[in-house]
Amino acid sequence: MKIAALLAALFVFGCTPTDDDDSGPDDDGGLFDLDDDDAGGTPIEEPSAFDLDCDEVEPNDLDIPLGGLSTPSPPWEPATPCGMVPAASSRASLALRGRISDVVEGTWNGDNDAWTFTFAEAASPRGVLQWSPLQGDLDAQVHCEQTTGGLGRLFGGALASAEVPETAQAVFEVPAGGRCWAFVTGFDGRVADYVLWLEPAEL
């Protein structure tokens, strides 16, 4: 009788479909699906080599006001020092690599990473911020000394659309020996590994 009832229930309600890994439990209790098979947006091809490749070193977080979407003015003492970007070669100039391990949606109050470096020769770089998985929204700022004095900023204040790499072109020149500070954080989404790279570009 029990078997007959079970068969009838299966006939009426159907079988439960098999879920993909988006809805299954994760090692982190379901907060983030690090094994997600949905790739997200379309990535930009990363250069095959860089003149300087720098990994973040914790602690390198900036103190962002609660609910804030702005950074303090450089210099930033916690920033990971990356040294000097050599004179440009046939490769891209600089790669900054790290991991955003916590995101507070709609703010920059989760994990963030800061960096500092100098340019051996004058540059007006193009910047790209890309992360994996390419879902949600990471944000970047790069502040550099400029030949006209003061600091120029690569990447504007506007937030990028989700699943789209951040890109920016400098409209100023960093002098030889000019110092820069870079910042990466999460605005929306999940834990992500990222690379922020700068490459030579003409004004």
C-alpha atoms as a PDB file:
ATOM      1  CA  MET A   1       0.000   0.000   0.000  1.00  0.00           C
ATOM      2  CA  LYS A   2       2.818   2.404   0.884  1.00  0.00           C
ATOM      3  CA  ILE A   3       4.582   1.665  -2.395  1.00  0.00           C
ATOM      4  CA  ALA A   4       1.391   2.313  -4.349  1.00  0.00           C
ATOM      5  CA  ALA A   5       0.911   5.662  -2.569  1.00  0.00           C
ATOM      6  CA  LEU A   6       4.481   6.703  -3.304  1.00  0.00           C
ATOM      7  CA  LEU A   7       4.128   5.849  -6.991  1.00  0.00           C
ATOM      8  CA  ALA A   8       0.906   7.829  -7.155  1.00  0.00           C
ATOM      9  CA  ALA A   9       2.586  10.865  -5.576  1.00  0.00           C
ATOM     10  CA  LEU A  10       5.416  10.730  -8.072  1.00  0.00           C
ATOM     11  CA  PHE A  11       2.934  10.503 -10.918  1.00  0.00           C
ATOM     12  CA  VAL A  12       0.923  13.527  -9.691  1.00  0.00           C
ATOM     13  CA  PHE A  13       3.762  15.857  -8.662  1.00  0.00           C
ATOM     14  CA  GLY A  14       6.552  14.690 -10.948  1.00  0.00           C
ATOM     15  CA  CYS A  15      10.211  14.131 -10.140  1.00  0.00           C
ATOM     16  CA  THR A  16      12.439  16.830  -8.674  1.00  0.00           C
ATOM     17  CA  PRO A  17      14.737  18.186 -11.416  1.00  0.00           C
ATOM     18  CA  THR A  18      18.490  18.002 -10.947  1.00  0.00           C
ATOM     19  CA  ASP A  19      19.966  21.389  -9.940  1.00  0.00           C
ATOM     20  CA  ASP A  20      23.207  22.785 -11.275  1.00  0.00           C
ATOM     21  CA  ASP A  21      25.837  24.074  -8.869  1.00  0.00           C
ATOM     22  CA  ASP A  22      24.146  27.505  -8.588  1.00  0.00           C
ATOM     23  CA  SER A  23      21.669  26.230  -6.018  1.00  0.00           C
ATOM     24  CA  GLY A  24      23.681  23.593  -4.190  1.00  0.00           C
ATOM     25  CA  PRO A  25      25.414  24.010  -0.833  1.00  0.00           C
ATOM     26  CA  ASP A  26      28.926  25.482  -0.814  1.00  0.00           C
ATOM     27  CA  ASP A  27      31.967  24.977   1.373  1.00  0.00           C
ATOM     28  CA  ASP A  28      31.377  28.473   2.755  1.00  0.00           C
ATOM     29  CA  GLY A  29      27.802  27.731   3.876  1.00  0.00           C
ATOM     30  CA  GLY A  30      26.157  29.032   0.717  1.00  0.00           C
ATOM     31  CA  LEU A  31      27.386  32.635   0.955  1.00  0.00           C
ATOM     32  CA  PHE A  32      29.364  32.381  -2.262  1.00  0.00           C
ATOM     33  CA  ASP A  33      29.353  29.801  -5.019  1.00  0.00           C
ATOM     34  CA  LEU A  34      33.033  29.719  -5.867  1.00  0.00           C
ATOM     35  CA  ASP A  35      32.517  26.768  -8.231  1.00  0.00           C
ATOM     36  CA  ASP A  36      29.796  28.499 -10.225  1.00  0.00           C
ATOM     37  CA  ASP A  37      29.733  27.293 -13.810  1.00  0.00           C
ATOM     38  CA  ASP A  38      28.107  30.528 -15.051  1.00  0.00           C
ATOM     39  CA  ALA A  39      31.006  32.566 -16.432  1.00  0.00           C
ATOM     40  CA  GLY A  40      29.199  35.920 -16.268  1.00  0.00           C
ATOM     41  CA  GLY A  41      30.225  38.759 -18.590  1.00  0.00           C
ATOM     42  CA  THR A  42      32.691  38.862 -21.447  1.00  0.00           C
ATOM     43  CA  PRO A  43      36.312  39.254 -20.292  1.00  0.00           C
ATOM     44  CA  ILE A  44      38.984  41.401 -21.920  1.00  0.00           C
ATOM     45  CA  GLU A  45      42.032  39.433 -23.047  1.00  0.00           C
ATOM     46  CA  GLU A  46      44.799  39.818 -20.464  1.00  0.00           C
ATOM     47  CA  PRO A  47      48.296  40.563 -21.789  1.00  0.00           C
ATOM     48  CA  SER A  48      50.585  37.539 -21.768  1.00  0.00           C
ATOM     49  CA  ALA A  49      53.341  39.290 -19.786  1.00  0.00           C
ATOM     50  CA  PHE A  50      53.990  42.467 -17.797  1.00  0.00           C
ATOM     51  CA  ASP A  51      57.065  44.562 -17.013  1.00  0.00           C
ATOM     52  CA  LEU A  52      56.066  44.425 -13.325  1.00  0.00           C
ATOM     53  CA  ASP A  53      53.709  41.878 -11.723  1.00  0.00           C
ATOM     54  CA  CYS A  54      52.752  42.600  -8.097  1.00  0.00           C
ATOM     55  CA  ASP A  55      50.650  40.542  -5.653  1.00  0.00           C
ATOM     56  CA  GLU A  56      48.846  42.242  -2.797  1.00  0.00           C
ATOM     57  CA  VAL A  57      50.200  41.855   0.737  1.00  0.00           C
ATOM     58  CA  GLU A  58      47.771  42.172   3.645  1.00  0.00           C
ATOM     59  CA  PRO A  59      47.060  44.291   5.601  1.00  0.00           C
ATOM     60  CA  ASN A  60      46.575  46.842   2.830  1.00  0.00           C
ATOM     61  CA  ASP A  61      42.991  48.032   3.417  1.00  0.00           C
ATOM     62  CA  LEU A  62      41.970  51.687   3.456  1.00  0.00           C
ATOM     63  CA  ASP A  63      39.586  52.976   6.116  1.00  0.00           C
ATOM     64  CA  ILE A  64      36.370  53.720   4.197  1.00  0.00           C
ATOM     65  CA  PRO A  65      33.584  55.621   6.041  1.00  0.00           C
ATOM     66  CA  LEU A  66      30.475  53.554   6.801  1.00  0.00           C
ATOM     67  CA  GLY A  67      28.290  53.413   3.709  1.00  0.00           C
ATOM     68  CA  GLY A  68      30.975  55.268   1.780  1.00  0.00           C
ATOM     69  CA  LEU A  69      31.921  55.230  -1.898  1.00  0.00           C
ATOM     70  CA  SER A  70      35.046  57.374  -1.732  1.00  0.00           C
ATOM     71  CA  THR A  71      38.660  56.998  -0.653  1.00  0.00           C
ATOM     72  CA  PRO A  72      40.792  59.297   1.479  1.00  0.00           C
ATOM     73  CA  SER A  73      43.338  61.367  -0.432  1.00  0.00           C
ATOM     74  CA  PRO A  74      46.743  59.701  -1.001  1.00  0.00           C
ATOM     75  CA  PRO A  75      49.333  58.982   0.230  1.00  0.00           C
ATOM     76  CA  TRP A  76      47.969  55.721   1.655  1.00  0.00           C
ATOM     77  CA  GLU A  77      50.165  54.221   4.358  1.00  0.00           C
ATOM     78  CA  PRO A  78      48.690  50.657   4.269  1.00  0.00           C
ATOM     79  CA  ALA A  79      49.283  50.338   0.513  1.00  0.00           C
ATOM     80  CA  THR A  80      51.268  47.346  -0.766  1.00  0.00           C
ATOM     81  CA  PRO A  81      54.559  48.720  -2.192  1.00  0.00           C
ATOM     82  CA  CYS A  82      55.236  47.420  -5.697  1.00  0.00           C
ATOM     83  CA  GLY A  83      58.377  49.388  -6.533  1.00  0.00           C
ATOM     84  CA  MET A  84      59.129  50.956  -9.904  1.00  0.00           C
ATOM     85  CA  VAL A  85      57.471  50.195 -13.216  1.00  0.00           C
ATOM     86  CA  PRO A  86      60.392  49.826 -15.685  1.00  0.00           C
ATOM     87  CA  ALA A  87      60.653  51.779 -18.910  1.00  0.00           C
ATOM     88  CA  ALA A  88      58.013  50.480 -21.310  1.00  0.00           C
ATOM     89  CA  SER A  89      58.869  47.485 -23.423  1.00  0.00           C
ATOM     90  CA  SER A  90      56.768  45.524 -25.900  1.00  0.00           C
ATOM     91  CA  ARG A  91      54.782  44.213 -22.922  1.00  0.00           C
ATOM     92  CA  ALA A  92      52.115  45.851 -20.786  1.00  0.00           C
ATOM     93  CA  SER A  93      53.459  47.920 -17.923  1.00  0.00           C
ATOM     94  CA  LEU A  94      51.995  46.663 -14.630  1.00  0.00           C
ATOM     95  CA  ALA A  95      49.691  44.023 -13.156  1.00  0.00           C
ATOM     96  CA  LEU A  96      48.275  44.292  -9.627  1.00  0.00           C
ATOM     97  CA  ARG A  97      46.740  41.035  -8.423  1.00  0.00           C
ATOM     98  CA  GLY A  98      44.613  40.271  -5.391  1.00  0.00           C
ATOM     99  CA  ARG A  99      41.399  38.897  -3.973  1.00  0.00           C
ATOM    100  CA  ILE A 100      38.303  40.662  -2.654  1.00  0.00           C
ATOM    101  CA  SER A 101      37.261  38.332   0.160  1.00  0.00           C
ATOM    102  CA  ASP A 102      34.203  40.232   1.416  1.00  0.00           C
ATOM    103  CA  VAL A 103      31.628  42.485  -0.285  1.00  0.00           C
ATOM    104  CA  VAL A 104      29.100  44.752   1.454  1.00  0.00           C
ATOM    105  CA  GLU A 105      26.585  45.379  -1.310  1.00  0.00           C
ATOM    106  CA  GLY A 106      26.111  48.959  -2.393  1.00  0.00           C
ATOM    107  CA  THR A 107      29.136  50.279  -0.489  1.00  0.00           C
ATOM    108  CA  TRP A 108      32.929  49.981  -0.376  1.00  0.00           C
ATOM    109  CA  ASN A 109      32.868  48.735   3.238  1.00  0.00           C
ATOM    110  CA  GLY A 110      33.903  45.173   2.408  1.00  0.00           C
ATOM    111  CA  ASP A 111      37.448  44.054   1.720  1.00  0.00           C
ATOM    112  CA  ASN A 112      39.599  46.477  -0.249  1.00  0.00           C
ATOM    113  CA  ASP A 113      43.213  46.521  -1.418  1.00  0.00           C
ATOM    114  CA  ALA A 114      45.573  49.469  -1.881  1.00  0.00           C
ATOM    115  CA  TRP A 115      48.900  49.676  -3.729  1.00  0.00           C
ATOM    116  CA  THR A 116      51.640  52.173  -4.492  1.00  0.00           C
ATOM    117  CA  PHE A 117      54.228  52.267  -7.297  1.00  0.00           C
ATOM    118  CA  THR A 118      56.261  54.700  -9.408  1.00  0.00           C
ATOM    119  CA  PHE A 119      56.934  55.020 -13.144  1.00  0.00           C
ATOM    120  CA  ALA A 120      60.534  54.998 -14.391  1.00  0.00           C
ATOM    121  CA  GLU A 121      59.527  57.045 -17.431  1.00  0.00           C
ATOM    122  CA  ALA A 122      56.672  59.363 -18.311  1.00  0.00           C
ATOM    123  CA  ALA A 123      53.411  57.545 -19.046  1.00  0.00           C
ATOM    124  CA  SER A 124      49.750  58.123 -19.843  1.00  0.00           C
ATOM    125  CA  PRO A 125      48.454  54.624 -19.137  1.00  0.00           C
ATOM    126  CA  ARG A 126      45.275  52.818 -20.000  1.00  0.00           C
ATOM    127  CA  GLY A 127      43.824  50.761 -17.140  1.00  0.00           C
ATOM    128  CA  VAL A 128      41.714  47.586 -16.999  1.00  0.00           C
ATOM    129  CA  LEU A 129      40.171  45.972 -13.916  1.00  0.00           C
ATOM    130  CA  GLN A 130      38.960  42.421 -14.446  1.00  0.00           C
ATOM    131  CA  TRP A 131      37.846  39.757 -11.989  1.00  0.00           C
ATOM    132  CA  SER A 132      36.878  36.095 -11.874  1.00  0.00           C
ATOM    133  CA  PRO A 133      34.143  34.968 -11.855  1.00  0.00           C
ATOM    134  CA  LEU A 134      33.127  38.014 -13.905  1.00  0.00           C
ATOM    135  CA  GLN A 135      29.904  38.594 -11.967  1.00  0.00           C
ATOM    136  CA  GLY A 136      28.807  41.469  -9.779  1.00  0.00           C
ATOM    137  CA  ASP A 137      30.789  44.706  -9.790  1.00  0.00           C
ATOM    138  CA  LEU A 138      34.310  45.528  -8.638  1.00  0.00           C
ATOM    139  CA  ASP A 139      35.564  49.115  -8.644  1.00  0.00           C
ATOM    140  CA  ALA A 140      38.993  50.723  -8.951  1.00  0.00           C
ATOM    141  CA  GLN A 141      40.735  54.041  -8.569  1.00  0.00           C
ATOM    142  CA  VAL A 142      44.294  54.977  -9.575  1.00  0.00           C
ATOM    143  CA  HIS A 143      45.679  58.330  -8.371  1.00  0.00           C
ATOM    144  CA  CYS A 144      48.978  59.498  -9.920  1.00  0.00           C
ATOM    145  CA  GLU A 145      51.233  62.507  -9.691  1.00  0.00           C
ATOM    146  CA  GLN A 146      50.972  64.416 -12.965  1.00  0.00           C
ATOM    147  CA  THR A 147      53.358  66.627 -14.885  1.00  0.00           C
ATOM    148  CA  THR A 148      51.111  69.664 -14.382  1.00  0.00           C
ATOM    149  CA  GLY A 149      51.149  69.225 -10.594  1.00  0.00           C
ATOM    150  CA  GLY A 150      48.750  67.627  -8.156  1.00  0.00           C
ATOM    151  CA  LEU A 151      47.128  64.240  -8.665  1.00  0.00           C
ATOM    152  CA  GLY A 152      45.342  62.922 -11.719  1.00  0.00           C
ATOM    153  CA  ARG A 153      42.818  60.097 -11.360  1.00  0.00           C
ATOM    154  CA  LEU A 154      42.412  57.133 -13.650  1.00  0.00           C
ATOM    155  CA  PHE A 155      38.872  55.644 -13.430  1.00  0.00           C
ATOM    156  CA  GLY A 156      36.042  58.077 -12.795  1.00  0.00           C
ATOM    157  CA  GLY A 157      33.485  58.131 -10.019  1.00  0.00           C
ATOM    158  CA  ALA A 158      30.759  56.348 -11.995  1.00  0.00           C
ATOM    159  CA  LEU A 159      30.168  52.683 -11.159  1.00  0.00           C
ATOM    160  CA  ALA A 160      30.403  50.147 -13.967  1.00  0.00           C
ATOM    161  CA  SER A 161      27.548  47.869 -14.893  1.00  0.00           C
ATOM    162  CA  ALA A 162      27.620  44.419 -13.353  1.00  0.00           C
ATOM    163  CA  GLU A 163      29.683  41.767 -15.138  1.00  0.00           C
ATOM    164  CA  VAL A 164      31.579  44.390 -17.185  1.00  0.00           C
ATOM    165  CA  PRO A 165      35.328  44.963 -16.671  1.00  0.00           C
ATOM    166  CA  GLU A 166      36.271  48.504 -15.618  1.00  0.00           C
ATOM    167  CA  THR A 167      38.359  50.353 -18.216  1.00  0.00           C
ATOM    168  CA  ALA A 168      39.842  53.851 -18.233  1.00  0.00           C
ATOM    169  CA  GLN A 169      42.250  55.973 -20.254  1.00  0.00           C
ATOM    170  CA  ALA A 170      44.413  58.587 -18.526  1.00  0.00           C
ATOM    171  CA  VAL A 171      43.947  62.134 -19.824  1.00  0.00           C
ATOM    172  CA  PHE A 172      47.089  63.300 -18.031  1.00  0.00           C
ATOM    173  CA  GLU A 173      50.785  62.387 -18.045  1.00  0.00           C
ATOM    174  CA  VAL A 174      52.619  60.812 -15.123  1.00  0.00           C
ATOM    175  CA  PRO A 175      56.185  62.197 -15.085  1.00  0.00           C
ATOM    176  CA  ALA A 176      59.286  60.026 -14.855  1.00  0.00           C
ATOM    177  CA  GLY A 177      59.584  59.113 -11.192  1.00  0.00           C
ATOM    178  CA  GLY A 178      55.910  59.957 -10.656  1.00  0.00           C
ATOM    179  CA  ARG A 179      54.187  58.027  -7.873  1.00  0.00           C
ATOM    180  CA  CYS A 180      50.760  56.378  -8.066  1.00  0.00           C
ATOM    181  CA  TRP A 181      48.325  54.802  -5.625  1.00  0.00           C
ATOM    182  CA  ALA A 182      45.764  52.186  -6.700  1.00  0.00           C
ATOM    183  CA  PHE A 183      42.621  50.917  -4.965  1.00  0.00           C
ATOM    184  CA  VAL A 184      40.329  47.947  -5.682  1.00  0.00           C
ATOM    185  CA  THR A 185      37.156  46.961  -3.839  1.00  0.00           C
ATOM    186  CA  GLY A 186      33.785  45.266  -4.342  1.00  0.00           C
ATOM    187  CA  PHE A 187      30.481  47.095  -4.806  1.00  0.00           C
ATOM    188  CA  ASP A 188      28.244  44.138  -5.567  1.00  0.00           C
ATOM    189  CA  GLY A 189      28.584  40.390  -6.021  1.00  0.00           C
ATOM    190  CA  ARG A 190      30.800  37.770  -4.489  1.00  0.00           C
ATOM    191  CA  VAL A 191      34.320  36.815  -3.531  1.00  0.00           C
ATOM    192  CA  ALA A 192      36.524  37.331  -6.582  1.00  0.00           C
ATOM    193  CA  ASP A 193      40.157  37.180  -7.690  1.00  0.00           C
ATOM    194  CA  TYR A 194      41.126  40.170  -9.807  1.00  0.00           C
ATOM    195  CA  VAL A 195      43.874  41.761 -11.846  1.00  0.00           C
ATOM    196  CA  LEU A 196      44.211  45.505 -12.367  1.00  0.00           C
ATOM    197  CA  TRP A 197      46.611  46.182 -15.200  1.00  0.00           C
ATOM    198  CA  LEU A 198      48.076  49.316 -16.742  1.00  0.00           C
ATOM    199  CA  GLU A 199      49.411  49.409 -20.266  1.00  0.00           C
ATOM    200  CA  PRO A 200      51.023  52.138 -22.373  1.00  0.00           C
ATOM    201  CA  ALA A 201      48.606  54.332 -24.295  1.00  0.00           C
ATOM    202  CA  GLU A 202      48.777  57.549 -26.260  1.00  0.00           C
ATOM    203  CA  LEU A 203      46.908  60.672 -25.178  1.00  0.00           C
END
